[in-house]
Amino acid sequence: MSEERQADEVELREPQAPQIDDAKSAPEDRAEAGPFDASEVPAMRPYVDLGGIKVAPREGLQLRLEVDERANRVVAVSLDYAESLLQVQAFAAPKTTGLWHGVRAELAQQMAGQGAALVEEEGPLGAELVAQTAVPAEQGGGTRIARFIAVDGPRWMLRGVIMGKAAVDVATRERVIDLFRELVVVRGEQPMPPSELLPLRVPAGVQAQRQGPAAGGTQQA
């Protein structure tokens, strides 16, 4: 075979798509220490029932729901705790594979395109994505840190965005991670495509805040 023909064959080859890791990303003790599936917690334990997510009450925790005005639906749960904000969303997922590795790569690409400085770190729950973005001058200037975490559970993924003190302070972050691990995901039995947001609802006495999509975007693929 001539060198010219070899060169032509190399040029005609289809570029290979990047391999997406679809393994589940979760701590080994997830079933015992959370985040929990609804089937893993006692029915009598008190929770604030938000539909797809249940929140265990604790002192100093303030809860509100984020509503996407365009879709007129609740898209995220925001938990104010320990001078920090933890915003969480739960998504349907396949039974045997995970979403977080692929979602994390998409988030990184999306946020890099918006000018964010990104670094991936290994945290207590697995891989985390840390994003640093510039704050506009009219909002005080400087930079803002957001830390994206997630756990793949049975037929769901629970994703969190940590902002405020816990995004930069290790001791505070441990408290917020503990809060995240107390959450319960209610996947339900209805068939749902992977990456679809689990429906949330507003219970009596909980504030709903109408705004645009949740931090980091609500769309997953």
C-alpha atoms as a PDB file:
ATOM      1  CA  MET A   1       0.000   0.000   0.000  1.00  0.00           C
ATOM      2  CA  SER A   2       1.442   3.372  -0.982  1.00  0.00           C
ATOM      3  CA  GLU A   3       1.993   6.230   1.490  1.00  0.00           C
ATOM      4  CA  GLU A   4      -0.428   8.390  -0.533  1.00  0.00           C
ATOM      5  CA  ARG A   5      -3.225   5.846  -0.134  1.00  0.00           C
ATOM      6  CA  GLN A   6      -2.548   5.506   3.608  1.00  0.00           C
ATOM      7  CA  ALA A   7      -2.780   9.276   3.999  1.00  0.00           C
ATOM      8  CA  ASP A   8      -6.105   9.336   2.113  1.00  0.00           C
ATOM      9  CA  GLU A   9      -7.542   6.612   4.349  1.00  0.00           C
ATOM     10  CA  VAL A  10      -6.549   8.527   7.483  1.00  0.00           C
ATOM     11  CA  GLU A  11      -8.250  11.675   6.214  1.00  0.00           C
ATOM     12  CA  LEU A  12     -11.474   9.836   5.339  1.00  0.00           C
ATOM     13  CA  ARG A  13     -11.861   8.255   8.752  1.00  0.00           C
ATOM     14  CA  GLU A  14     -14.848   9.473  10.801  1.00  0.00           C
ATOM     15  CA  PRO A  15     -13.823  11.389  13.950  1.00  0.00           C
ATOM     16  CA  GLN A  16     -14.715   9.371  17.029  1.00  0.00           C
ATOM     17  CA  ALA A  17     -17.257  10.839  19.435  1.00  0.00           C
ATOM     18  CA  PRO A  18     -15.884  11.366  22.933  1.00  0.00           C
ATOM     19  CA  GLN A  19     -16.672   8.524  25.307  1.00  0.00           C
ATOM     20  CA  ILE A  20     -19.236   9.534  27.943  1.00  0.00           C
ATOM     21  CA  ASP A  21     -18.859   7.829  31.302  1.00  0.00           C
ATOM     22  CA  ASP A  22     -22.346   6.563  32.214  1.00  0.00           C
ATOM     23  CA  ALA A  23     -21.308   4.873  35.465  1.00  0.00           C
ATOM     24  CA  LYS A  24     -23.205   5.931  38.567  1.00  0.00           C
ATOM     25  CA  SER A  25     -21.468   8.562  40.703  1.00  0.00           C
ATOM     26  CA  ALA A  26     -22.340   8.105  44.382  1.00  0.00           C
ATOM     27  CA  PRO A  27     -20.618   7.525  47.734  1.00  0.00           C
ATOM     28  CA  GLU A  28     -20.424   3.864  48.745  1.00  0.00           C
ATOM     29  CA  ASP A  29     -22.626   4.481  51.793  1.00  0.00           C
ATOM     30  CA  ARG A  30     -25.365   6.349  49.900  1.00  0.00           C
ATOM     31  CA  ALA A  31     -28.134   3.879  50.806  1.00  0.00           C
ATOM     32  CA  GLU A  32     -27.257   4.184  54.521  1.00  0.00           C
ATOM     33  CA  ALA A  33     -26.205   7.858  54.723  1.00  0.00           C
ATOM     34  CA  GLY A  34     -28.066   9.526  51.854  1.00  0.00           C
ATOM     35  CA  PRO A  35     -29.203  11.151  49.765  1.00  0.00           C
ATOM     36  CA  PHE A  36     -32.020   8.660  50.120  1.00  0.00           C
ATOM     37  CA  ASP A  37     -34.556   7.088  47.853  1.00  0.00           C
ATOM     38  CA  ALA A  38     -38.102   7.271  49.217  1.00  0.00           C
ATOM     39  CA  SER A  39     -38.027   3.479  49.706  1.00  0.00           C
ATOM     40  CA  GLU A  40     -35.061   3.775  52.105  1.00  0.00           C
ATOM     41  CA  VAL A  41     -36.522   5.995  54.850  1.00  0.00           C
ATOM     42  CA  PRO A  42     -39.110   5.255  57.550  1.00  0.00           C
ATOM     43  CA  ALA A  43     -42.583   6.399  56.553  1.00  0.00           C
ATOM     44  CA  MET A  44     -43.148   8.010  59.964  1.00  0.00           C
ATOM     45  CA  ARG A  45     -40.129  10.335  59.837  1.00  0.00           C
ATOM     46  CA  PRO A  46     -41.248  13.977  59.429  1.00  0.00           C
ATOM     47  CA  TYR A  47     -40.292  15.697  56.178  1.00  0.00           C
ATOM     48  CA  VAL A  48     -41.389  18.762  54.250  1.00  0.00           C
ATOM     49  CA  ASP A  49     -42.957  17.084  51.206  1.00  0.00           C
ATOM     50  CA  LEU A  50     -42.201  18.992  47.994  1.00  0.00           C
ATOM     51  CA  GLY A  51     -43.194  16.218  45.605  1.00  0.00           C
ATOM     52  CA  GLY A  52     -40.037  14.909  43.959  1.00  0.00           C
ATOM     53  CA  ILE A  53     -37.881  15.982  46.933  1.00  0.00           C
ATOM     54  CA  LYS A  54     -38.470  15.733  50.679  1.00  0.00           C
ATOM     55  CA  VAL A  55     -36.522  17.936  53.100  1.00  0.00           C
ATOM     56  CA  ALA A  56     -35.784  17.044  56.712  1.00  0.00           C
ATOM     57  CA  PRO A  57     -36.468  20.045  58.971  1.00  0.00           C
ATOM     58  CA  ARG A  58     -33.543  21.346  61.004  1.00  0.00           C
ATOM     59  CA  GLU A  59     -32.833  24.429  63.082  1.00  0.00           C
ATOM     60  CA  GLY A  60     -31.606  27.411  61.096  1.00  0.00           C
ATOM     61  CA  LEU A  61     -32.823  26.078  57.754  1.00  0.00           C
ATOM     62  CA  GLN A  62     -34.963  28.302  55.545  1.00  0.00           C
ATOM     63  CA  LEU A  63     -36.602  26.833  52.478  1.00  0.00           C
ATOM     64  CA  ARG A  64     -38.071  28.379  49.350  1.00  0.00           C
ATOM     65  CA  LEU A  65     -39.055  27.141  45.924  1.00  0.00           C
ATOM     66  CA  GLU A  66     -37.832  28.612  42.645  1.00  0.00           C
ATOM     67  CA  VAL A  67     -40.518  28.992  39.970  1.00  0.00           C
ATOM     68  CA  ASP A  68     -39.728  29.319  36.264  1.00  0.00           C
ATOM     69  CA  GLU A  69     -42.225  31.928  35.088  1.00  0.00           C
ATOM     70  CA  ARG A  70     -41.986  30.888  31.437  1.00  0.00           C
ATOM     71  CA  ALA A  71     -42.972  27.287  32.201  1.00  0.00           C
ATOM     72  CA  ASN A  72     -45.045  28.256  35.275  1.00  0.00           C
ATOM     73  CA  ARG A  73     -43.637  25.382  37.302  1.00  0.00           C
ATOM     74  CA  VAL A  74     -41.394  24.851  40.298  1.00  0.00           C
ATOM     75  CA  VAL A  75     -37.890  24.024  39.030  1.00  0.00           C
ATOM     76  CA  ALA A  76     -35.687  23.947  42.133  1.00  0.00           C
ATOM     77  CA  VAL A  77     -35.598  23.923  45.924  1.00  0.00           C
ATOM     78  CA  SER A  78     -33.391  26.540  47.606  1.00  0.00           C
ATOM     79  CA  LEU A  79     -32.143  25.864  51.136  1.00  0.00           C
ATOM     80  CA  ASP A  80     -30.635  28.775  53.074  1.00  0.00           C
ATOM     81  CA  TYR A  81     -28.399  27.336  55.772  1.00  0.00           C
ATOM     82  CA  ALA A  82     -25.126  28.174  57.539  1.00  0.00           C
ATOM     83  CA  GLU A  83     -24.579  31.452  55.634  1.00  0.00           C
ATOM     84  CA  SER A  84     -24.857  29.452  52.425  1.00  0.00           C
ATOM     85  CA  LEU A  85     -27.341  28.575  49.709  1.00  0.00           C
ATOM     86  CA  LEU A  86     -27.905  25.017  48.514  1.00  0.00           C
ATOM     87  CA  GLN A  87     -30.124  24.804  45.453  1.00  0.00           C
ATOM     88  CA  VAL A  88     -31.258  21.292  44.534  1.00  0.00           C
ATOM     89  CA  GLN A  89     -33.011  19.569  41.645  1.00  0.00           C
ATOM     90  CA  ALA A  90     -33.862  15.907  41.078  1.00  0.00           C
ATOM     91  CA  PHE A  91     -33.974  14.252  37.664  1.00  0.00           C
ATOM     92  CA  ALA A  92     -35.193  10.925  36.320  1.00  0.00           C
ATOM     93  CA  ALA A  93     -32.381   8.546  35.359  1.00  0.00           C
ATOM     94  CA  PRO A  94     -31.918   5.040  33.962  1.00  0.00           C
ATOM     95  CA  LYS A  95     -31.970   2.154  36.406  1.00  0.00           C
ATOM     96  CA  THR A  96     -28.433   0.885  35.854  1.00  0.00           C
ATOM     97  CA  THR A  97     -26.491   3.905  34.556  1.00  0.00           C
ATOM     98  CA  GLY A  98     -25.796   7.390  35.907  1.00  0.00           C
ATOM     99  CA  LEU A  99     -26.125  10.932  34.582  1.00  0.00           C
ATOM    100  CA  TRP A 100     -23.663  13.014  36.596  1.00  0.00           C
ATOM    101  CA  HIS A 101     -20.493  12.394  34.595  1.00  0.00           C
ATOM    102  CA  GLY A 102     -22.178  13.400  31.340  1.00  0.00           C
ATOM    103  CA  VAL A 103     -24.096  16.305  32.877  1.00  0.00           C
ATOM    104  CA  ARG A 104     -20.923  17.620  34.518  1.00  0.00           C
ATOM    105  CA  ALA A 105     -19.145  17.676  31.157  1.00  0.00           C
ATOM    106  CA  GLU A 106     -22.053  19.575  29.590  1.00  0.00           C
ATOM    107  CA  LEU A 107     -22.149  22.061  32.456  1.00  0.00           C
ATOM    108  CA  ALA A 108     -18.417  22.678  32.123  1.00  0.00           C
ATOM    109  CA  GLN A 109     -18.739  23.306  28.385  1.00  0.00           C
ATOM    110  CA  GLN A 110     -21.738  25.590  28.863  1.00  0.00           C
ATOM    111  CA  MET A 111     -20.162  27.652  31.651  1.00  0.00           C
ATOM    112  CA  ALA A 112     -16.760  27.884  29.981  1.00  0.00           C
ATOM    113  CA  GLY A 113     -18.567  29.377  26.998  1.00  0.00           C
ATOM    114  CA  GLN A 114     -19.967  32.014  29.354  1.00  0.00           C
ATOM    115  CA  GLY A 115     -16.473  32.918  30.561  1.00  0.00           C
ATOM    116  CA  ALA A 116     -16.386  31.009  33.848  1.00  0.00           C
ATOM    117  CA  ALA A 117     -13.121  29.649  35.237  1.00  0.00           C
ATOM    118  CA  LEU A 118     -13.659  25.958  36.040  1.00  0.00           C
ATOM    119  CA  VAL A 119     -11.894  23.311  38.076  1.00  0.00           C
ATOM    120  CA  GLU A 120     -12.968  19.770  38.908  1.00  0.00           C
ATOM    121  CA  GLU A 121     -12.357  18.505  42.439  1.00  0.00           C
ATOM    122  CA  GLU A 122     -12.985  15.248  44.272  1.00  0.00           C
ATOM    123  CA  GLY A 123     -15.347  15.780  47.199  1.00  0.00           C
ATOM    124  CA  PRO A 124     -17.051  13.542  49.769  1.00  0.00           C
ATOM    125  CA  LEU A 125     -19.816  12.660  47.283  1.00  0.00           C
ATOM    126  CA  GLY A 126     -17.532  12.229  44.269  1.00  0.00           C
ATOM    127  CA  ALA A 127     -16.561  14.612  41.476  1.00  0.00           C
ATOM    128  CA  GLU A 128     -17.491  18.273  41.949  1.00  0.00           C
ATOM    129  CA  LEU A 129     -17.379  21.130  39.454  1.00  0.00           C
ATOM    130  CA  VAL A 130     -16.251  24.483  40.865  1.00  0.00           C
ATOM    131  CA  ALA A 131     -17.094  27.548  38.773  1.00  0.00           C
ATOM    132  CA  GLN A 132     -15.772  31.054  39.333  1.00  0.00           C
ATOM    133  CA  THR A 133     -17.594  33.834  37.524  1.00  0.00           C
ATOM    134  CA  ALA A 134     -17.168  37.592  37.459  1.00  0.00           C
ATOM    135  CA  VAL A 135     -19.791  39.674  39.249  1.00  0.00           C
ATOM    136  CA  PRO A 136     -20.957  42.722  37.239  1.00  0.00           C
ATOM    137  CA  ALA A 137     -19.825  46.085  38.591  1.00  0.00           C
ATOM    138  CA  GLU A 138     -23.420  47.168  39.209  1.00  0.00           C
ATOM    139  CA  GLN A 139     -23.760  44.180  41.558  1.00  0.00           C
ATOM    140  CA  GLY A 140     -20.622  45.015  43.507  1.00  0.00           C
ATOM    141  CA  GLY A 141     -17.925  43.487  41.287  1.00  0.00           C
ATOM    142  CA  GLY A 142     -15.507  40.755  42.313  1.00  0.00           C
ATOM    143  CA  THR A 143     -16.068  37.061  41.695  1.00  0.00           C
ATOM    144  CA  ARG A 144     -18.692  34.494  42.659  1.00  0.00           C
ATOM    145  CA  ILE A 145     -17.959  30.836  43.411  1.00  0.00           C
ATOM    146  CA  ALA A 146     -20.516  28.071  42.747  1.00  0.00           C
ATOM    147  CA  ARG A 147     -19.839  24.416  43.512  1.00  0.00           C
ATOM    148  CA  PHE A 148     -21.876  21.806  41.602  1.00  0.00           C
ATOM    149  CA  ILE A 149     -22.382  18.433  43.286  1.00  0.00           C
ATOM    150  CA  ALA A 150     -24.560  15.443  42.438  1.00  0.00           C
ATOM    151  CA  VAL A 151     -25.361  11.863  43.357  1.00  0.00           C
ATOM    152  CA  ASP A 152     -26.770   9.172  41.082  1.00  0.00           C
ATOM    153  CA  GLY A 153     -29.349   7.123  42.949  1.00  0.00           C
ATOM    154  CA  PRO A 154     -31.768   4.362  41.897  1.00  0.00           C
ATOM    155  CA  ARG A 155     -33.522   5.777  38.789  1.00  0.00           C
ATOM    156  CA  TRP A 156     -32.702   9.386  39.718  1.00  0.00           C
ATOM    157  CA  MET A 157     -29.954  11.976  39.986  1.00  0.00           C
ATOM    158  CA  LEU A 158     -29.975  14.626  42.717  1.00  0.00           C
ATOM    159  CA  ARG A 159     -27.951  17.708  41.794  1.00  0.00           C
ATOM    160  CA  GLY A 160     -26.982  20.566  44.079  1.00  0.00           C
ATOM    161  CA  VAL A 161     -25.389  23.975  43.611  1.00  0.00           C
ATOM    162  CA  ILE A 162     -23.570  25.332  46.668  1.00  0.00           C
ATOM    163  CA  MET A 163     -23.088  29.093  46.946  1.00  0.00           C
ATOM    164  CA  GLY A 164     -22.098  31.456  49.718  1.00  0.00           C
ATOM    165  CA  LYS A 165     -19.760  30.571  52.579  1.00  0.00           C
ATOM    166  CA  ALA A 166     -19.898  26.791  52.010  1.00  0.00           C
ATOM    167  CA  ALA A 167     -18.579  27.186  48.454  1.00  0.00           C
ATOM    168  CA  VAL A 168     -15.186  28.286  49.825  1.00  0.00           C
ATOM    169  CA  ASP A 169     -15.053  27.194  53.487  1.00  0.00           C
ATOM    170  CA  VAL A 170     -14.437  23.483  54.094  1.00  0.00           C
ATOM    171  CA  ALA A 171     -15.999  23.271  57.571  1.00  0.00           C
ATOM    172  CA  THR A 172     -19.177  25.032  56.442  1.00  0.00           C
ATOM    173  CA  ARG A 173     -19.320  22.889  53.319  1.00  0.00           C
ATOM    174  CA  GLU A 174     -19.335  19.742  55.474  1.00  0.00           C
ATOM    175  CA  ARG A 175     -22.498  21.018  57.173  1.00  0.00           C
ATOM    176  CA  VAL A 176     -24.164  21.755  53.834  1.00  0.00           C
ATOM    177  CA  ILE A 177     -23.152  18.351  52.427  1.00  0.00           C
ATOM    178  CA  ASP A 178     -24.744  16.796  55.506  1.00  0.00           C
ATOM    179  CA  LEU A 179     -27.928  18.713  54.685  1.00  0.00           C
ATOM    180  CA  PHE A 180     -27.760  17.465  51.088  1.00  0.00           C
ATOM    181  CA  ARG A 181     -27.374  13.876  52.275  1.00  0.00           C
ATOM    182  CA  GLU A 182     -30.522  14.129  54.407  1.00  0.00           C
ATOM    183  CA  LEU A 183     -32.666  14.841  51.335  1.00  0.00           C
ATOM    184  CA  VAL A 184     -35.067  12.192  50.038  1.00  0.00           C
ATOM    185  CA  VAL A 185     -35.861  11.745  46.351  1.00  0.00           C
ATOM    186  CA  VAL A 186     -39.331  10.514  45.378  1.00  0.00           C
ATOM    187  CA  ARG A 187     -38.892   9.119  41.879  1.00  0.00           C
ATOM    188  CA  GLY A 188     -42.372   7.608  41.555  1.00  0.00           C
ATOM    189  CA  GLU A 189     -43.339   4.706  39.314  1.00  0.00           C
ATOM    190  CA  GLN A 190     -44.415   6.665  36.243  1.00  0.00           C
ATOM    191  CA  PRO A 191     -42.202   6.251  33.162  1.00  0.00           C
ATOM    192  CA  MET A 192     -40.056   9.334  32.499  1.00  0.00           C
ATOM    193  CA  PRO A 193     -37.273   9.967  29.994  1.00  0.00           C
ATOM    194  CA  PRO A 194     -33.775  10.273  31.481  1.00  0.00           C
ATOM    195  CA  SER A 195     -32.852  13.813  32.592  1.00  0.00           C
ATOM    196  CA  GLU A 196     -36.466  14.947  32.980  1.00  0.00           C
ATOM    197  CA  LEU A 197     -36.947  17.120  36.051  1.00  0.00           C
ATOM    198  CA  LEU A 198     -38.932  15.359  38.771  1.00  0.00           C
ATOM    199  CA  PRO A 199     -42.064  17.426  39.463  1.00  0.00           C
ATOM    200  CA  LEU A 200     -42.042  19.649  42.538  1.00  0.00           C
ATOM    201  CA  ARG A 201     -44.967  21.260  44.292  1.00  0.00           C
ATOM    202  CA  VAL A 202     -45.544  24.103  46.732  1.00  0.00           C
ATOM    203  CA  PRO A 203     -46.826  22.911  50.124  1.00  0.00           C
ATOM    204  CA  ALA A 204     -48.722  25.167  52.492  1.00  0.00           C
ATOM    205  CA  GLY A 205     -46.473  27.621  54.323  1.00  0.00           C
ATOM    206  CA  VAL A 206     -43.538  27.463  51.891  1.00  0.00           C
ATOM    207  CA  GLN A 207     -42.519  30.542  49.952  1.00  0.00           C
ATOM    208  CA  ALA A 208     -42.332  30.299  46.171  1.00  0.00           C
ATOM    209  CA  GLN A 209     -40.044  32.771  44.419  1.00  0.00           C
ATOM    210  CA  ARG A 210     -40.853  33.518  40.803  1.00  0.00           C
ATOM    211  CA  GLN A 211     -37.769  33.976  38.672  1.00  0.00           C
ATOM    212  CA  GLY A 212     -35.898  32.621  35.659  1.00  0.00           C
ATOM    213  CA  PRO A 213     -34.379  29.146  35.453  1.00  0.00           C
ATOM    214  CA  ALA A 214     -32.433  27.824  38.414  1.00  0.00           C
ATOM    215  CA  ALA A 215     -28.720  28.452  38.802  1.00  0.00           C
ATOM    216  CA  GLY A 216     -26.639  26.511  36.354  1.00  0.00           C
ATOM    217  CA  GLY A 217     -29.627  25.947  34.082  1.00  0.00           C
ATOM    218  CA  THR A 218     -32.392  23.391  34.349  1.00  0.00           C
ATOM    219  CA  GLN A 219     -31.836  21.635  31.069  1.00  0.00           C
ATOM    220  CA  GLN A 220     -29.996  18.328  31.189  1.00  0.00           C
ATOM    221  CA  ALA A 221     -29.230  16.003  28.339  1.00  0.00           C
END
